[in-house]
């Protein structure tokens, strides 16, 4: 006949007899019967509040994410500057009535091509080449 036990067995290292695991102590039995003073409670709450207001150091992941955002923003700004420069070279200055439409279309078309790049090796050259090649196409659609 097999006996089922609800608590795991423990072996006594000194004796080969099987011991049952000790039962858990109930939470109520851990509380002390002495009353707590109000002064000690206020000290504890003040300590907890000071711990909560402390700032935690910035982790490496957050710093990496911020640096990636800055890198992406720099590249977008660089692309925008290239678009303005190429449009100025092709005779469309910022005072031209169609400048805003041409610049946004050229930026969006160039960005679509540049998003397909797998690495950022030679990114500046690729940006320049992409903007220059697409400028004629965008100008022919917008100005004509």
C-alpha atoms as a PDB file:
ATOM      1  CA  UNK A   1       0.000   0.000   0.000  1.00  0.00           C
ATOM      2  CA  UNK A   2       1.311   3.446  -0.994  1.00  0.00           C
ATOM      3  CA  UNK A   3       0.961   6.496   1.266  1.00  0.00           C
ATOM      4  CA  UNK A   4       0.554   9.908  -0.396  1.00  0.00           C
ATOM      5  CA  UNK A   5       2.114  12.820   1.433  1.00  0.00           C
ATOM      6  CA  UNK A   6       1.307  16.487   0.856  1.00  0.00           C
ATOM      7  CA  UNK A   7       4.692  17.765   1.996  1.00  0.00           C
ATOM      8  CA  UNK A   8       8.037  16.850   0.450  1.00  0.00           C
ATOM      9  CA  UNK A   9      10.366  14.449   2.178  1.00  0.00           C
ATOM     10  CA  UNK A  10      13.716  15.465   3.592  1.00  0.00           C
ATOM     11  CA  UNK A  11      16.519  13.142   4.571  1.00  0.00           C
ATOM     12  CA  UNK A  12      18.295  13.690   7.810  1.00  0.00           C
ATOM     13  CA  UNK A  13      22.058  13.572   7.081  1.00  0.00           C
ATOM     14  CA  UNK A  14      22.848  12.053  10.495  1.00  0.00           C
ATOM     15  CA  UNK A  15      20.069   9.515  10.397  1.00  0.00           C
ATOM     16  CA  UNK A  16      18.674   7.609   7.475  1.00  0.00           C
ATOM     17  CA  UNK A  17      15.093   8.153   8.592  1.00  0.00           C
ATOM     18  CA  UNK A  18      12.781  10.153   6.356  1.00  0.00           C
ATOM     19  CA  UNK A  19      11.572  13.437   7.828  1.00  0.00           C
ATOM     20  CA  UNK A  20       8.609  15.488   6.727  1.00  0.00           C
ATOM     21  CA  UNK A  21       9.243  19.108   5.781  1.00  0.00           C
ATOM     22  CA  UNK A  22       8.343  21.603   8.452  1.00  0.00           C
ATOM     23  CA  UNK A  23       5.023  23.362   7.872  1.00  0.00           C
ATOM     24  CA  UNK A  24       4.964  27.058   7.060  1.00  0.00           C
ATOM     25  CA  UNK A  25       4.507  29.456   9.926  1.00  0.00           C
ATOM     26  CA  UNK A  26       1.273  31.416   9.740  1.00  0.00           C
ATOM     27  CA  UNK A  27       1.621  35.186   9.215  1.00  0.00           C
ATOM     28  CA  UNK A  28      -0.401  36.008  12.299  1.00  0.00           C
ATOM     29  CA  UNK A  29       2.029  34.129  14.504  1.00  0.00           C
ATOM     30  CA  UNK A  30       4.900  36.300  13.250  1.00  0.00           C
ATOM     31  CA  UNK A  31       3.308  39.544  14.411  1.00  0.00           C
ATOM     32  CA  UNK A  32       4.429  40.852  17.733  1.00  0.00           C
ATOM     33  CA  UNK A  33       1.966  41.477  20.491  1.00  0.00           C
ATOM     34  CA  UNK A  34       3.588  44.790  21.505  1.00  0.00           C
ATOM     35  CA  UNK A  35       1.975  47.958  20.133  1.00  0.00           C
ATOM     36  CA  UNK A  36       3.906  50.121  17.662  1.00  0.00           C
ATOM     37  CA  UNK A  37       4.736  53.707  18.653  1.00  0.00           C
ATOM     38  CA  UNK A  38       3.600  56.554  16.389  1.00  0.00           C
ATOM     39  CA  UNK A  39       7.104  58.065  16.350  1.00  0.00           C
ATOM     40  CA  UNK A  40       8.646  54.944  14.841  1.00  0.00           C
ATOM     41  CA  UNK A  41       5.910  54.806  12.185  1.00  0.00           C
ATOM     42  CA  UNK A  42       6.540  58.433  11.164  1.00  0.00           C
ATOM     43  CA  UNK A  43      10.279  57.737  10.908  1.00  0.00           C
ATOM     44  CA  UNK A  44       9.658  54.729   8.691  1.00  0.00           C
ATOM     45  CA  UNK A  45       7.311  56.642   6.379  1.00  0.00           C
ATOM     46  CA  UNK A  46       9.835  59.505   6.111  1.00  0.00           C
ATOM     47  CA  UNK A  47      12.557  57.018   5.148  1.00  0.00           C
ATOM     48  CA  UNK A  48      10.320  55.391   2.524  1.00  0.00           C
ATOM     49  CA  UNK A  49       9.412  58.774   1.028  1.00  0.00           C
ATOM     50  CA  UNK A  50      13.072  59.765   0.748  1.00  0.00           C
ATOM     51  CA  UNK A  51      13.853  56.489  -1.020  1.00  0.00           C
ATOM     52  CA  UNK A  52      11.036  57.035  -3.499  1.00  0.00           C
ATOM     53  CA  UNK A  53      12.195  60.559  -4.440  1.00  0.00           C
ATOM     54  CA  UNK A  54      15.762  59.468  -5.195  1.00  0.00           C
ATOM     55  CA  UNK A  55      16.577  59.430  -8.888  1.00  0.00           C
ATOM     56  CA  UNK A  56      17.766  56.219 -10.398  1.00  0.00           C
ATOM     57  CA  UNK A  57      20.870  56.219 -12.599  1.00  0.00           C
ATOM     58  CA  UNK A  58      20.259  56.087 -16.323  1.00  0.00           C
ATOM     59  CA  UNK A  59      20.844  52.629 -17.713  1.00  0.00           C
ATOM     60  CA  UNK A  60      22.952  51.759 -20.716  1.00  0.00           C
ATOM     61  CA  UNK A  61      19.882  50.833 -22.762  1.00  0.00           C
ATOM     62  CA  UNK A  62      18.340  54.276 -22.308  1.00  0.00           C
ATOM     63  CA  UNK A  63      21.592  55.984 -23.268  1.00  0.00           C
ATOM     64  CA  UNK A  64      21.928  53.762 -26.329  1.00  0.00           C
ATOM     65  CA  UNK A  65      18.349  54.524 -27.384  1.00  0.00           C
ATOM     66  CA  UNK A  66      18.989  58.265 -27.006  1.00  0.00           C
ATOM     67  CA  UNK A  67      22.183  58.093 -29.055  1.00  0.00           C
ATOM     68  CA  UNK A  68      20.352  56.158 -31.787  1.00  0.00           C
ATOM     69  CA  UNK A  69      17.632  58.815 -31.866  1.00  0.00           C
ATOM     70  CA  UNK A  70      20.252  61.538 -32.215  1.00  0.00           C
ATOM     71  CA  UNK A  71      21.968  59.619 -35.025  1.00  0.00           C
ATOM     72  CA  UNK A  72      18.685  59.255 -36.912  1.00  0.00           C
ATOM     73  CA  UNK A  73      17.808  62.911 -36.384  1.00  0.00           C
ATOM     74  CA  UNK A  74      21.236  63.988 -37.631  1.00  0.00           C
ATOM     75  CA  UNK A  75      20.832  61.892 -40.768  1.00  0.00           C
ATOM     76  CA  UNK A  76      17.365  63.324 -41.455  1.00  0.00           C
ATOM     77  CA  UNK A  77      18.710  66.862 -41.036  1.00  0.00           C
ATOM     78  CA  UNK A  78      21.644  66.062 -43.317  1.00  0.00           C
ATOM     79  CA  UNK A  79      19.257  64.704 -45.964  1.00  0.00           C
ATOM     80  CA  UNK A  80      17.054  67.780 -45.689  1.00  0.00           C
ATOM     81  CA  UNK A  81      20.092  70.067 -46.146  1.00  0.00           C
ATOM     82  CA  UNK A  82      21.144  68.060 -49.204  1.00  0.00           C
ATOM     83  CA  UNK A  83      17.654  68.421 -50.694  1.00  0.00           C
ATOM     84  CA  UNK A  84      17.752  72.205 -50.248  1.00  0.00           C
ATOM     85  CA  UNK A  85      21.269  72.401 -51.716  1.00  0.00           C
ATOM     86  CA  UNK A  86      20.427  70.269 -54.777  1.00  0.00           C
ATOM     87  CA  UNK A  87      17.240  72.229 -55.460  1.00  0.00           C
ATOM     88  CA  UNK A  88      19.213  75.495 -55.254  1.00  0.00           C
ATOM     89  CA  UNK A  89      21.769  74.050 -57.702  1.00  0.00           C
ATOM     90  CA  UNK A  90      18.938  73.201 -60.115  1.00  0.00           C
ATOM     91  CA  UNK A  91      17.483  76.726 -60.032  1.00  0.00           C
ATOM     92  CA  UNK A  92      14.726  76.301 -57.425  1.00  0.00           C
ATOM     93  CA  UNK A  93      15.541  78.670 -54.557  1.00  0.00           C
ATOM     94  CA  UNK A  94      13.650  78.904 -51.303  1.00  0.00           C
ATOM     95  CA  UNK A  95      11.746  81.909 -52.669  1.00  0.00           C
ATOM     96  CA  UNK A  96      10.361  79.859 -55.566  1.00  0.00           C
ATOM     97  CA  UNK A  97       6.577  79.268 -55.298  1.00  0.00           C
ATOM     98  CA  UNK A  98       6.956  75.498 -55.820  1.00  0.00           C
ATOM     99  CA  UNK A  99       9.959  75.077 -53.491  1.00  0.00           C
ATOM    100  CA  UNK A 100       7.990  73.595 -50.599  1.00  0.00           C
ATOM    101  CA  UNK A 101       6.216  71.011 -52.779  1.00  0.00           C
ATOM    102  CA  UNK A 102       9.445  70.061 -54.591  1.00  0.00           C
ATOM    103  CA  UNK A 103      11.507  69.799 -51.416  1.00  0.00           C
ATOM    104  CA  UNK A 104       9.009  67.615 -49.542  1.00  0.00           C
ATOM    105  CA  UNK A 105       8.547  65.271 -52.505  1.00  0.00           C
ATOM    106  CA  UNK A 106      12.278  65.001 -53.120  1.00  0.00           C
ATOM    107  CA  UNK A 107      12.872  64.359 -49.420  1.00  0.00           C
ATOM    108  CA  UNK A 108      10.197  61.640 -49.264  1.00  0.00           C
ATOM    109  CA  UNK A 109      11.391  59.921 -52.456  1.00  0.00           C
ATOM    110  CA  UNK A 110      15.018  59.984 -51.308  1.00  0.00           C
ATOM    111  CA  UNK A 111      14.067  58.737 -47.854  1.00  0.00           C
ATOM    112  CA  UNK A 112      12.176  55.803 -49.375  1.00  0.00           C
ATOM    113  CA  UNK A 113      15.278  54.765 -51.314  1.00  0.00           C
ATOM    114  CA  UNK A 114      17.597  55.231 -48.341  1.00  0.00           C
ATOM    115  CA  UNK A 115      15.421  53.166 -45.986  1.00  0.00           C
ATOM    116  CA  UNK A 116      16.232  50.079 -48.047  1.00  0.00           C
ATOM    117  CA  UNK A 117      19.956  50.306 -47.245  1.00  0.00           C
ATOM    118  CA  UNK A 118      21.259  47.470 -45.119  1.00  0.00           C
ATOM    119  CA  UNK A 119      24.281  49.291 -43.640  1.00  0.00           C
ATOM    120  CA  UNK A 120      25.257  52.892 -43.089  1.00  0.00           C
ATOM    121  CA  UNK A 121      28.591  52.456 -44.856  1.00  0.00           C
ATOM    122  CA  UNK A 122      29.062  55.331 -47.276  1.00  0.00           C
ATOM    123  CA  UNK A 123      25.744  56.849 -46.239  1.00  0.00           C
ATOM    124  CA  UNK A 124      26.731  60.432 -47.074  1.00  0.00           C
ATOM    125  CA  UNK A 125      27.696  59.490 -50.647  1.00  0.00           C
ATOM    126  CA  UNK A 126      24.538  57.451 -51.096  1.00  0.00           C
ATOM    127  CA  UNK A 127      22.429  60.339 -49.847  1.00  0.00           C
ATOM    128  CA  UNK A 128      24.078  62.770 -52.248  1.00  0.00           C
ATOM    129  CA  UNK A 129      23.721  60.388 -55.193  1.00  0.00           C
ATOM    130  CA  UNK A 130      20.074  59.555 -54.431  1.00  0.00           C
ATOM    131  CA  UNK A 131      19.025  63.193 -54.019  1.00  0.00           C
ATOM    132  CA  UNK A 132      20.803  64.306 -57.204  1.00  0.00           C
ATOM    133  CA  UNK A 133      19.311  61.492 -59.302  1.00  0.00           C
ATOM    134  CA  UNK A 134      15.770  62.034 -58.051  1.00  0.00           C
ATOM    135  CA  UNK A 135      15.897  65.847 -58.228  1.00  0.00           C
ATOM    136  CA  UNK A 136      15.438  65.927 -62.007  1.00  0.00           C
ATOM    137  CA  UNK A 137      12.482  63.570 -61.812  1.00  0.00           C
ATOM    138  CA  UNK A 138      10.729  65.533 -59.061  1.00  0.00           C
ATOM    139  CA  UNK A 139      11.371  68.862 -60.788  1.00  0.00           C
ATOM    140  CA  UNK A 140       9.984  67.567 -64.073  1.00  0.00           C
ATOM    141  CA  UNK A 141       6.751  66.516 -62.340  1.00  0.00           C
ATOM    142  CA  UNK A 142       6.313  69.565 -60.081  1.00  0.00           C
ATOM    143  CA  UNK A 143       7.439  72.508 -62.207  1.00  0.00           C
ATOM    144  CA  UNK A 144       6.306  71.363 -65.645  1.00  0.00           C
END
